[in-house]
Amino acid sequence: MKFKRKKKFHLDTLIDENMIIRGNTTITGGVRLDGKIYGNLMVIDGEDGTLIMGENSVIKGDVFVPTAIIGGAISGNIKCYDYLEVHANASIKGNIEYNLIEIHAGADISSNLKKMTKSEIDKQKKVLNEITKQKD
């Protein structure tokens, strides 16, 4: 059985290693984070909403995202209604709600894991779609 997910990610935003964002942040589309975010992060844009975190990246706040690949540190809760991949060098301290999850050996996870039900996923999608419409 293979668990590798073959999906191409489209990145619209780069937050480089020298950048620090303070405050709640909403980003449309795909984002590569190598810097730090102190506040909640919401990535929207339907199935294309993707967060990719580099090794030295940090988020201190909650994360709401369709798809995430975590290589850095998160101190906060994660809601990921499509796919969550946690790399070996990642550190997560907070509750994780997910649809599909892949955890690499060596990841430091101090969290409760909860698989989202179909109705929870649909509700999360609806909330994110409403936010997307408000941005237009």
N, C-alpha and C. Protein backbone atom coordinates (compact mmCIF):
# COMPACT_ATOMS: atom_id res chain seq x y z
N MET A 1 0.85 -1.18 0.00
CA MET A 1 0.00 0.00 0.00
C MET A 1 0.89 1.24 0.00
N LYS A 2 0.61 2.17 -0.89
CA LYS A 2 1.37 3.41 -0.97
C LYS A 2 0.62 4.54 -0.32
N PHE A 3 1.33 5.40 0.38
CA PHE A 3 0.72 6.54 1.03
C PHE A 3 1.16 7.85 0.39
N LYS A 4 2.10 7.79 -0.53
CA LYS A 4 2.58 9.01 -1.17
C LYS A 4 1.45 9.67 -1.95
N ARG A 5 1.26 10.93 -1.71
CA ARG A 5 0.21 11.68 -2.40
C ARG A 5 0.83 12.43 -3.55
N LYS A 6 0.34 12.21 -4.73
CA LYS A 6 0.89 12.87 -5.90
C LYS A 6 0.00 14.03 -6.28
N LYS A 7 0.34 15.17 -5.75
CA LYS A 7 -0.43 16.38 -6.02
C LYS A 7 0.57 17.51 -6.27
N LYS A 8 0.32 18.28 -7.28
CA LYS A 8 1.17 19.43 -7.54
C LYS A 8 0.61 20.62 -6.79
N PHE A 9 1.51 21.36 -6.17
CA PHE A 9 1.09 22.50 -5.39
C PHE A 9 1.44 23.78 -6.12
N HIS A 10 0.52 24.70 -6.14
CA HIS A 10 0.72 26.01 -6.74
C HIS A 10 0.96 27.01 -5.62
N LEU A 11 2.12 27.67 -5.64
CA LEU A 11 2.45 28.64 -4.60
C LEU A 11 2.26 30.06 -5.11
N ASP A 12 1.52 30.85 -4.34
CA ASP A 12 1.26 32.24 -4.69
C ASP A 12 2.05 33.21 -3.82
N THR A 13 2.43 32.76 -2.61
CA THR A 13 3.05 33.65 -1.63
C THR A 13 4.27 33.00 -1.02
N LEU A 14 5.33 33.77 -0.86
CA LEU A 14 6.54 33.32 -0.16
C LEU A 14 6.77 34.22 1.03
N ILE A 15 6.85 33.63 2.20
CA ILE A 15 7.21 34.36 3.41
C ILE A 15 8.60 33.89 3.77
N ASP A 16 9.57 34.71 3.47
CA ASP A 16 10.97 34.31 3.55
C ASP A 16 11.48 34.28 4.99
N GLU A 17 12.61 33.64 5.18
CA GLU A 17 13.15 33.37 6.53
C GLU A 17 13.40 34.62 7.36
N ASN A 18 13.55 35.76 6.75
CA ASN A 18 13.80 37.00 7.50
C ASN A 18 12.52 37.75 7.85
N MET A 19 11.36 37.22 7.43
CA MET A 19 10.10 37.91 7.67
C MET A 19 9.42 37.41 8.94
N ILE A 20 8.85 38.34 9.69
CA ILE A 20 8.05 38.03 10.87
C ILE A 20 6.71 38.74 10.71
N ILE A 21 5.63 37.98 10.81
CA ILE A 21 4.28 38.54 10.72
C ILE A 21 3.65 38.43 12.09
N ARG A 22 3.15 39.55 12.61
CA ARG A 22 2.48 39.56 13.91
C ARG A 22 1.01 39.89 13.68
N GLY A 23 0.14 39.02 14.17
CA GLY A 23 -1.30 39.22 13.99
C GLY A 23 -1.89 38.12 13.14
N ASN A 24 -3.20 38.01 13.22
CA ASN A 24 -3.91 36.99 12.45
C ASN A 24 -3.78 37.28 10.96
N THR A 25 -3.56 36.22 10.16
CA THR A 25 -3.25 36.38 8.75
C THR A 25 -4.12 35.44 7.93
N THR A 26 -4.69 35.96 6.84
CA THR A 26 -5.44 35.15 5.89
C THR A 26 -4.76 35.26 4.54
N ILE A 27 -4.46 34.11 3.95
CA ILE A 27 -3.76 34.07 2.67
C ILE A 27 -4.59 33.25 1.70
N THR A 28 -4.67 33.72 0.45
CA THR A 28 -5.38 33.00 -0.59
C THR A 28 -4.39 32.21 -1.42
N GLY A 29 -4.71 30.96 -1.68
CA GLY A 29 -3.85 30.13 -2.54
C GLY A 29 -2.80 29.39 -1.76
N GLY A 30 -1.68 29.13 -2.41
CA GLY A 30 -0.59 28.39 -1.79
C GLY A 30 0.45 29.32 -1.20
N VAL A 31 1.00 28.93 -0.04
CA VAL A 31 2.01 29.75 0.62
C VAL A 31 3.17 28.88 1.08
N ARG A 32 4.38 29.36 0.85
CA ARG A 32 5.60 28.74 1.37
C ARG A 32 6.06 29.63 2.51
N LEU A 33 6.15 29.05 3.71
CA LEU A 33 6.57 29.79 4.90
C LEU A 33 7.93 29.32 5.35
N ASP A 34 8.90 30.24 5.32
CA ASP A 34 10.21 29.99 5.88
C ASP A 34 10.48 30.92 7.06
N GLY A 35 9.61 31.90 7.28
CA GLY A 35 9.74 32.86 8.36
C GLY A 35 8.90 32.48 9.57
N LYS A 36 8.35 33.51 10.24
CA LYS A 36 7.61 33.29 11.47
C LYS A 36 6.27 34.04 11.41
N ILE A 37 5.24 33.40 11.95
CA ILE A 37 3.93 34.04 12.08
C ILE A 37 3.52 33.90 13.54
N TYR A 38 3.26 35.05 14.19
CA TYR A 38 2.76 35.08 15.56
C TYR A 38 1.31 35.51 15.50
N GLY A 39 0.43 34.56 15.40
CA GLY A 39 -1.00 34.81 15.24
C GLY A 39 -1.59 33.65 14.46
N ASN A 40 -2.90 33.63 14.34
CA ASN A 40 -3.57 32.57 13.61
C ASN A 40 -3.34 32.73 12.11
N LEU A 41 -3.26 31.60 11.41
CA LEU A 41 -3.08 31.60 9.96
C LEU A 41 -4.22 30.84 9.33
N MET A 42 -4.90 31.48 8.37
CA MET A 42 -5.95 30.83 7.60
C MET A 42 -5.55 30.90 6.14
N VAL A 43 -5.44 29.73 5.50
CA VAL A 43 -5.13 29.66 4.09
C VAL A 43 -6.40 29.20 3.39
N ILE A 44 -6.88 30.03 2.46
CA ILE A 44 -8.14 29.73 1.77
C ILE A 44 -7.91 29.63 0.28
N ASP A 45 -8.89 29.22 -0.44
CA ASP A 45 -8.91 29.11 -1.90
C ASP A 45 -9.23 27.68 -2.29
N GLY A 46 -10.24 27.12 -1.69
CA GLY A 46 -10.68 25.78 -2.05
C GLY A 46 -9.59 24.76 -1.92
N GLU A 47 -9.53 23.85 -2.87
CA GLU A 47 -8.55 22.76 -2.83
C GLU A 47 -7.12 23.27 -3.07
N ASP A 48 -6.96 24.48 -3.60
CA ASP A 48 -5.64 25.02 -3.87
C ASP A 48 -5.03 25.71 -2.66
N GLY A 49 -5.75 25.83 -1.58
CA GLY A 49 -5.22 26.45 -0.37
C GLY A 49 -4.22 25.52 0.28
N THR A 50 -2.94 25.88 0.21
CA THR A 50 -1.88 25.00 0.67
C THR A 50 -0.86 25.78 1.50
N LEU A 51 -0.42 25.17 2.59
CA LEU A 51 0.65 25.71 3.41
C LEU A 51 1.82 24.74 3.36
N ILE A 52 2.99 25.24 2.97
CA ILE A 52 4.22 24.45 3.01
C ILE A 52 5.18 25.18 3.92
N MET A 53 5.57 24.53 5.02
CA MET A 53 6.46 25.13 6.01
C MET A 53 7.86 24.55 5.89
N GLY A 54 8.86 25.44 5.81
CA GLY A 54 10.25 25.02 5.80
C GLY A 54 10.73 24.62 7.19
N GLU A 55 11.93 24.06 7.26
CA GLU A 55 12.50 23.54 8.51
C GLU A 55 12.55 24.54 9.64
N ASN A 56 12.91 25.77 9.38
CA ASN A 56 13.09 26.76 10.44
C ASN A 56 11.90 27.68 10.63
N SER A 57 10.80 27.38 9.98
CA SER A 57 9.61 28.23 10.08
C SER A 57 8.90 27.99 11.41
N VAL A 58 8.16 29.02 11.86
CA VAL A 58 7.46 28.96 13.14
C VAL A 58 6.09 29.61 13.00
N ILE A 59 5.08 28.95 13.55
CA ILE A 59 3.75 29.56 13.70
C ILE A 59 3.36 29.40 15.16
N LYS A 60 3.05 30.53 15.80
CA LYS A 60 2.52 30.51 17.16
C LYS A 60 1.09 31.01 17.07
N GLY A 61 0.18 30.09 16.85
CA GLY A 61 -1.23 30.39 16.65
C GLY A 61 -1.89 29.21 15.98
N ASP A 62 -3.19 29.31 15.78
CA ASP A 62 -3.95 28.24 15.15
C ASP A 62 -3.82 28.32 13.63
N VAL A 63 -3.92 27.15 12.99
CA VAL A 63 -3.79 27.04 11.54
C VAL A 63 -5.04 26.37 10.99
N PHE A 64 -5.68 27.03 10.00
CA PHE A 64 -6.84 26.49 9.29
C PHE A 64 -6.46 26.43 7.82
N VAL A 65 -6.45 25.22 7.23
CA VAL A 65 -5.94 25.08 5.88
C VAL A 65 -6.48 23.80 5.24
N PRO A 66 -6.72 23.82 3.92
CA PRO A 66 -7.10 22.58 3.25
C PRO A 66 -5.96 21.55 3.24
N THR A 67 -4.78 21.98 2.82
CA THR A 67 -3.63 21.09 2.68
C THR A 67 -2.41 21.72 3.35
N ALA A 68 -1.64 20.90 4.09
CA ALA A 68 -0.44 21.42 4.74
C ALA A 68 0.67 20.38 4.72
N ILE A 69 1.88 20.88 4.49
CA ILE A 69 3.09 20.08 4.61
C ILE A 69 3.96 20.81 5.63
N ILE A 70 4.13 20.19 6.80
CA ILE A 70 4.76 20.86 7.93
C ILE A 70 6.19 20.35 8.10
N GLY A 71 7.14 21.28 8.03
CA GLY A 71 8.53 20.96 8.28
C GLY A 71 9.10 21.78 9.42
N GLY A 72 8.33 22.72 9.94
CA GLY A 72 8.79 23.62 11.00
C GLY A 72 8.05 23.36 12.30
N ALA A 73 7.85 24.42 13.09
CA ALA A 73 7.24 24.31 14.40
C ALA A 73 5.91 25.06 14.45
N ILE A 74 4.91 24.41 15.02
CA ILE A 74 3.60 25.04 15.24
C ILE A 74 3.24 24.87 16.70
N SER A 75 2.95 26.00 17.36
CA SER A 75 2.39 25.98 18.72
C SER A 75 0.97 26.50 18.60
N GLY A 76 0.04 25.61 18.39
CA GLY A 76 -1.35 25.97 18.19
C GLY A 76 -2.09 24.81 17.56
N ASN A 77 -3.38 24.96 17.46
CA ASN A 77 -4.22 23.91 16.89
C ASN A 77 -4.18 23.96 15.36
N ILE A 78 -4.37 22.79 14.75
CA ILE A 78 -4.39 22.68 13.29
C ILE A 78 -5.71 22.04 12.88
N LYS A 79 -6.40 22.68 11.91
CA LYS A 79 -7.55 22.07 11.24
C LYS A 79 -7.19 21.97 9.77
N CYS A 80 -7.11 20.75 9.29
CA CYS A 80 -6.70 20.50 7.91
C CYS A 80 -7.70 19.54 7.29
N TYR A 81 -8.59 20.04 6.42
CA TYR A 81 -9.69 19.21 5.96
C TYR A 81 -9.38 18.39 4.70
N ASP A 82 -8.19 18.53 4.13
CA ASP A 82 -7.85 17.69 2.98
C ASP A 82 -6.70 16.75 3.35
N TYR A 83 -5.48 17.26 3.37
CA TYR A 83 -4.29 16.41 3.53
C TYR A 83 -3.27 17.11 4.39
N LEU A 84 -2.74 16.40 5.39
CA LEU A 84 -1.70 16.93 6.27
C LEU A 84 -0.51 15.99 6.25
N GLU A 85 0.66 16.54 5.96
CA GLU A 85 1.90 15.77 5.99
C GLU A 85 2.84 16.43 6.99
N VAL A 86 3.36 15.62 7.92
CA VAL A 86 4.24 16.13 8.97
C VAL A 86 5.62 15.50 8.77
N HIS A 87 6.61 16.32 8.48
CA HIS A 87 7.96 15.83 8.21
C HIS A 87 8.71 15.51 9.50
N ALA A 88 9.80 14.80 9.37
CA ALA A 88 10.57 14.30 10.51
C ALA A 88 11.09 15.41 11.42
N ASN A 89 11.41 16.57 10.87
CA ASN A 89 11.98 17.66 11.67
C ASN A 89 10.90 18.60 12.22
N ALA A 90 9.62 18.28 12.02
CA ALA A 90 8.53 19.13 12.47
C ALA A 90 8.27 18.97 13.97
N SER A 91 7.72 20.05 14.56
CA SER A 91 7.33 20.03 15.96
C SER A 91 5.95 20.67 16.06
N ILE A 92 4.99 19.93 16.62
CA ILE A 92 3.63 20.44 16.74
C ILE A 92 3.16 20.27 18.18
N LYS A 93 2.71 21.38 18.76
CA LYS A 93 2.14 21.37 20.10
C LYS A 93 0.76 22.00 20.02
N GLY A 94 -0.27 21.19 19.97
CA GLY A 94 -1.65 21.64 19.83
C GLY A 94 -2.48 20.53 19.25
N ASN A 95 -3.77 20.67 19.30
CA ASN A 95 -4.66 19.64 18.77
C ASN A 95 -4.67 19.66 17.25
N ILE A 96 -4.79 18.47 16.65
CA ILE A 96 -4.79 18.35 15.20
C ILE A 96 -6.08 17.66 14.76
N GLU A 97 -6.82 18.33 13.87
CA GLU A 97 -7.98 17.73 13.21
C GLU A 97 -7.63 17.61 11.74
N TYR A 98 -7.89 16.44 11.16
CA TYR A 98 -7.43 16.17 9.80
C TYR A 98 -8.41 15.27 9.07
N ASN A 99 -8.25 15.20 7.74
CA ASN A 99 -8.96 14.23 6.92
C ASN A 99 -8.02 13.08 6.59
N LEU A 100 -6.90 13.38 5.93
CA LEU A 100 -5.84 12.41 5.65
C LEU A 100 -4.57 12.93 6.30
N ILE A 101 -3.77 12.03 6.89
CA ILE A 101 -2.55 12.46 7.56
C ILE A 101 -1.42 11.48 7.25
N GLU A 102 -0.23 12.05 7.08
CA GLU A 102 0.98 11.26 6.89
C GLU A 102 2.03 11.84 7.84
N ILE A 103 2.54 11.02 8.74
CA ILE A 103 3.52 11.48 9.73
C ILE A 103 4.82 10.72 9.49
N HIS A 104 5.89 11.45 9.26
CA HIS A 104 7.20 10.85 9.03
C HIS A 104 7.85 10.53 10.37
N ALA A 105 8.62 9.47 10.40
CA ALA A 105 9.32 9.06 11.62
C ALA A 105 10.23 10.18 12.11
N GLY A 106 10.17 10.47 13.40
CA GLY A 106 11.01 11.50 13.99
C GLY A 106 10.28 12.79 14.29
N ALA A 107 9.07 12.96 13.78
CA ALA A 107 8.30 14.17 14.04
C ALA A 107 7.98 14.26 15.53
N ASP A 108 8.06 15.47 16.09
CA ASP A 108 7.77 15.71 17.50
C ASP A 108 6.35 16.26 17.59
N ILE A 109 5.42 15.40 17.99
CA ILE A 109 4.01 15.80 18.03
C ILE A 109 3.49 15.61 19.45
N SER A 110 3.14 16.74 20.09
CA SER A 110 2.52 16.72 21.42
C SER A 110 1.09 17.19 21.23
N SER A 111 0.26 16.33 20.69
CA SER A 111 -1.07 16.73 20.25
C SER A 111 -2.07 15.60 20.42
N ASN A 112 -3.33 15.97 20.44
CA ASN A 112 -4.41 15.01 20.27
C ASN A 112 -4.74 14.99 18.79
N LEU A 113 -4.85 13.81 18.21
CA LEU A 113 -5.21 13.68 16.80
C LEU A 113 -6.67 13.29 16.70
N LYS A 114 -7.40 13.95 15.79
CA LYS A 114 -8.81 13.63 15.58
C LYS A 114 -9.11 13.65 14.10
N LYS A 115 -9.58 12.52 13.59
CA LYS A 115 -9.99 12.46 12.20
C LYS A 115 -11.33 13.16 12.06
N MET A 116 -11.42 14.08 11.11
CA MET A 116 -12.66 14.82 10.88
C MET A 116 -13.68 13.93 10.19
N THR A 117 -14.94 14.07 10.58
CA THR A 117 -16.02 13.35 9.90
C THR A 117 -16.36 14.07 8.60
N LYS A 118 -17.11 13.40 7.74
CA LYS A 118 -17.51 14.01 6.47
C LYS A 118 -18.29 15.30 6.71
N SER A 119 -19.18 15.32 7.71
CA SER A 119 -19.96 16.54 7.98
C SER A 119 -19.07 17.66 8.50
N GLU A 120 -18.05 17.34 9.30
CA GLU A 120 -17.11 18.36 9.79
C GLU A 120 -16.29 18.93 8.64
N ILE A 121 -15.89 18.07 7.71
CA ILE A 121 -15.13 18.53 6.54
C ILE A 121 -15.99 19.45 5.69
N ASP A 122 -17.24 19.05 5.44
CA ASP A 122 -18.15 19.88 4.64
C ASP A 122 -18.39 21.23 5.31
N LYS A 123 -18.54 21.22 6.62
CA LYS A 123 -18.75 22.47 7.37
C LYS A 123 -17.52 23.38 7.25
N GLN A 124 -16.33 22.80 7.39
CA GLN A 124 -15.09 23.59 7.29
C GLN A 124 -14.94 24.17 5.88
N LYS A 125 -15.24 23.38 4.86
CA LYS A 125 -15.18 23.87 3.48
C LYS A 125 -16.14 25.03 3.28
N LYS A 126 -17.35 24.91 3.83
CA LYS A 126 -18.35 25.96 3.69
C LYS A 126 -17.87 27.26 4.34
N VAL A 127 -17.29 27.15 5.53
CA VAL A 127 -16.76 28.34 6.23
C VAL A 127 -15.67 29.00 5.40
N LEU A 128 -14.72 28.21 4.91
CA LEU A 128 -13.62 28.77 4.11
C LEU A 128 -14.13 29.36 2.80
N ASN A 129 -15.13 28.73 2.17
CA ASN A 129 -15.70 29.28 0.94
C ASN A 129 -16.38 30.61 1.18
N GLU A 130 -17.08 30.74 2.32
CA GLU A 130 -17.72 32.02 2.67
C GLU A 130 -16.68 33.11 2.86
N ILE A 131 -15.57 32.77 3.49
CA ILE A 131 -14.50 33.75 3.70
C ILE A 131 -13.90 34.16 2.35
N THR A 132 -13.74 33.18 1.45
CA THR A 132 -13.20 33.47 0.12
C THR A 132 -14.13 34.44 -0.62
N LYS A 133 -15.44 34.21 -0.54
CA LYS A 133 -16.41 35.09 -1.21
C LYS A 133 -16.36 36.51 -0.65
N GLN A 134 -16.16 36.63 0.66
CA GLN A 134 -16.09 37.96 1.28
C GLN A 134 -14.86 38.73 0.81
N LYS A 135 -13.79 38.00 0.45
CA LYS A 135 -12.55 38.65 -0.01
C LYS A 135 -12.72 39.23 -1.40
N ASP A 136 -13.62 38.63 -2.22
CA ASP A 136 -13.80 39.06 -3.62
C ASP A 136 -14.48 40.38 -3.73
